Amino acid sequence: MSVGDSIDLRYTGISSLPDNIEVYRSIYLHANRITNIVYRELWKHDHYTVFAAWLNGKCCVVVNEKIYTLGKFFGGAPAADVEQAARECVAELEQRRQTGGAA
């Protein structure tokens, strides 16, 4: 499934992302409704939803709706709490994938 730029899944019945989804800029969704991502919500200075998902054939980090490759995200000096949340999400998503869990 290729949508290219951005996709809004907030008001759909979708509960998991397709394995072959390609979306490169932004993905809008309710993280608590999608079963094959791992997310954290942060409320320190502002509200952030950070999640890891398999997008474009690889593990990516999404902050709010903006999609980052792992290299771009971790190379961009994110805030410490956002970076920690992303690391936890990526590790959990990769563990699920290795053990055959719901990822």
C-alpha atoms as a PDB file:
ATOM      1  CA  MET A   1       0.000   0.000   0.000  1.00  0.00           C
ATOM      2  CA  SER A   2       1.692   3.184  -1.137  1.00  0.00           C
ATOM      3  CA  VAL A   3       0.310   6.589  -0.240  1.00  0.00           C
ATOM      4  CA  GLY A   4       3.457   8.606  -0.775  1.00  0.00           C
ATOM      5  CA  ASP A   5       3.330  11.832   1.205  1.00  0.00           C
ATOM      6  CA  SER A   6       0.891  11.722   4.170  1.00  0.00           C
ATOM      7  CA  ILE A   7      -2.059   9.688   5.425  1.00  0.00           C
ATOM      8  CA  ASP A   8      -4.743  10.296   8.033  1.00  0.00           C
ATOM      9  CA  LEU A   9      -6.018   7.124   9.724  1.00  0.00           C
ATOM     10  CA  ARG A  10      -7.597   8.794  12.779  1.00  0.00           C
ATOM     11  CA  TYR A  11     -11.212   8.340  11.749  1.00  0.00           C
ATOM     12  CA  THR A  12     -10.998   4.925  10.138  1.00  0.00           C
ATOM     13  CA  GLY A  13     -11.579   1.449  11.494  1.00  0.00           C
ATOM     14  CA  ILE A  14      -7.962   0.447  10.829  1.00  0.00           C
ATOM     15  CA  SER A  15      -6.444  -1.326  13.828  1.00  0.00           C
ATOM     16  CA  SER A  16      -3.059  -2.289  12.356  1.00  0.00           C
ATOM     17  CA  LEU A  17      -0.776  -0.875   9.712  1.00  0.00           C
ATOM     18  CA  PRO A  18      -0.335  -2.974   6.569  1.00  0.00           C
ATOM     19  CA  ASP A  19       3.064  -4.693   6.362  1.00  0.00           C
ATOM     20  CA  ASN A  20       3.823  -3.018   3.047  1.00  0.00           C
ATOM     21  CA  ILE A  21       2.669   0.524   3.837  1.00  0.00           C
ATOM     22  CA  GLU A  22       4.697   3.305   2.267  1.00  0.00           C
ATOM     23  CA  VAL A  23       4.165   6.807   3.604  1.00  0.00           C
ATOM     24  CA  TYR A  24       7.089   9.208   3.771  1.00  0.00           C
ATOM     25  CA  ARG A  25       6.099  12.466   5.400  1.00  0.00           C
ATOM     26  CA  SER A  26       3.348  12.230   8.001  1.00  0.00           C
ATOM     27  CA  ILE A  27       0.990   9.653   9.458  1.00  0.00           C
ATOM     28  CA  TYR A  28      -1.923  10.738  11.577  1.00  0.00           C
ATOM     29  CA  LEU A  29      -3.438   8.087  13.831  1.00  0.00           C
ATOM     30  CA  HIS A  30      -4.686   7.315  17.322  1.00  0.00           C
ATOM     31  CA  ALA A  31      -1.729   5.320  18.653  1.00  0.00           C
ATOM     32  CA  ASN A  32      -3.802   3.441  21.231  1.00  0.00           C
ATOM     33  CA  ARG A  33      -5.933   1.936  18.434  1.00  0.00           C
ATOM     34  CA  ILE A  34      -3.090   0.513  16.319  1.00  0.00           C
ATOM     35  CA  THR A  35      -1.893  -2.889  17.497  1.00  0.00           C
ATOM     36  CA  ASN A  36       1.349  -3.229  15.542  1.00  0.00           C
ATOM     37  CA  ILE A  37       3.137  -0.114  16.772  1.00  0.00           C
ATOM     38  CA  VAL A  38       4.750   0.684  20.121  1.00  0.00           C
ATOM     39  CA  TYR A  39       4.089   4.127  21.523  1.00  0.00           C
ATOM     40  CA  ARG A  40       4.722   6.425  24.469  1.00  0.00           C
ATOM     41  CA  GLU A  41       2.958   9.645  25.371  1.00  0.00           C
ATOM     42  CA  LEU A  42       4.955  12.444  26.970  1.00  0.00           C
ATOM     43  CA  TRP A  43       3.473  15.432  28.755  1.00  0.00           C
ATOM     44  CA  LYS A  44       6.527  17.312  30.079  1.00  0.00           C
ATOM     45  CA  HIS A  45       6.520  20.720  28.337  1.00  0.00           C
ATOM     46  CA  ASP A  46       4.112  19.831  25.583  1.00  0.00           C
ATOM     47  CA  HIS A  47       2.225  16.748  24.463  1.00  0.00           C
ATOM     48  CA  TYR A  48       4.184  14.306  22.327  1.00  0.00           C
ATOM     49  CA  THR A  49       3.189  10.940  21.000  1.00  0.00           C
ATOM     50  CA  VAL A  50       6.277   8.982  20.049  1.00  0.00           C
ATOM     51  CA  PHE A  51       5.990   5.632  18.332  1.00  0.00           C
ATOM     52  CA  ALA A  52       7.960   3.071  16.411  1.00  0.00           C
ATOM     53  CA  ALA A  53       6.419   1.362  13.401  1.00  0.00           C
ATOM     54  CA  TRP A  54       7.430  -0.591  10.338  1.00  0.00           C
ATOM     55  CA  LEU A  55       7.010   1.932   7.529  1.00  0.00           C
ATOM     56  CA  ASN A  56       8.551   1.949   4.079  1.00  0.00           C
ATOM     57  CA  GLY A  57      10.094  -1.468   4.710  1.00  0.00           C
ATOM     58  CA  LYS A  58      12.037  -0.471   7.829  1.00  0.00           C
ATOM     59  CA  CYS A  59      11.668   0.510  11.449  1.00  0.00           C
ATOM     60  CA  CYS A  60      10.897   4.224  11.747  1.00  0.00           C
ATOM     61  CA  VAL A  61      10.256   6.660  14.575  1.00  0.00           C
ATOM     62  CA  VAL A  62       7.235   8.934  14.454  1.00  0.00           C
ATOM     63  CA  VAL A  63       6.985  12.002  16.690  1.00  0.00           C
ATOM     64  CA  ASN A  64       3.429  13.240  16.731  1.00  0.00           C
ATOM     65  CA  GLU A  65       2.806  12.705  13.016  1.00  0.00           C
ATOM     66  CA  LYS A  66       6.249  13.290  11.447  1.00  0.00           C
ATOM     67  CA  ILE A  67       8.056  10.173  10.195  1.00  0.00           C
ATOM     68  CA  TYR A  68      11.818   9.787  10.658  1.00  0.00           C
ATOM     69  CA  THR A  69      14.205   7.047   9.639  1.00  0.00           C
ATOM     70  CA  LEU A  70      16.209   5.874  12.645  1.00  0.00           C
ATOM     71  CA  GLY A  71      19.375   7.553  11.331  1.00  0.00           C
ATOM     72  CA  LYS A  72      17.664  10.872  10.750  1.00  0.00           C
ATOM     73  CA  PHE A  73      15.880  10.852  14.105  1.00  0.00           C
ATOM     74  CA  PHE A  74      18.838   9.869  16.289  1.00  0.00           C
ATOM     75  CA  GLY A  75      21.217  12.038  14.248  1.00  0.00           C
ATOM     76  CA  GLY A  76      19.062  15.105  14.803  1.00  0.00           C
ATOM     77  CA  ALA A  77      19.680  15.614  18.552  1.00  0.00           C
ATOM     78  CA  PRO A  78      16.105  15.142  19.810  1.00  0.00           C
ATOM     79  CA  ALA A  79      15.132  16.175  23.334  1.00  0.00           C
ATOM     80  CA  ALA A  80      16.371  13.631  25.892  1.00  0.00           C
ATOM     81  CA  ASP A  81      12.911  12.446  26.985  1.00  0.00           C
ATOM     82  CA  VAL A  82      11.710  12.093  23.389  1.00  0.00           C
ATOM     83  CA  GLU A  83      14.898  10.227  22.466  1.00  0.00           C
ATOM     84  CA  GLN A  84      14.501   7.850  25.426  1.00  0.00           C
ATOM     85  CA  ALA A  85      10.873   7.163  24.524  1.00  0.00           C
ATOM     86  CA  ALA A  86      11.881   6.479  20.914  1.00  0.00           C
ATOM     87  CA  ARG A  87      14.666   4.096  21.981  1.00  0.00           C
ATOM     88  CA  GLU A  88      12.240   2.160  24.187  1.00  0.00           C
ATOM     89  CA  CYS A  89       9.657   1.956  21.402  1.00  0.00           C
ATOM     90  CA  VAL A  90      12.186   0.793  18.801  1.00  0.00           C
ATOM     91  CA  ALA A  91      13.624  -1.844  21.144  1.00  0.00           C
ATOM     92  CA  GLU A  92      10.169  -3.188  22.004  1.00  0.00           C
ATOM     93  CA  LEU A  93       9.052  -3.227  18.368  1.00  0.00           C
ATOM     94  CA  GLU A  94      12.208  -5.069  17.287  1.00  0.00           C
ATOM     95  CA  GLN A  95      11.798  -7.560  20.141  1.00  0.00           C
ATOM     96  CA  ARG A  96       8.198  -8.232  19.103  1.00  0.00           C
ATOM     97  CA  ARG A  97       9.308  -8.792  15.531  1.00  0.00           C
ATOM     98  CA  GLN A  98      12.084 -11.213  16.552  1.00  0.00           C
ATOM     99  CA  THR A  99       9.814 -13.242  18.820  1.00  0.00           C
ATOM    100  CA  GLY A 100       6.906 -13.264  16.373  1.00  0.00           C
ATOM    101  CA  GLY A 101       4.711 -11.100  18.595  1.00  0.00           C
ATOM    102  CA  ALA A 102       2.078  -8.669  17.402  1.00  0.00           C
ATOM    103  CA  ALA A 103       4.249  -6.324  15.419  1.00  0.00           C
END
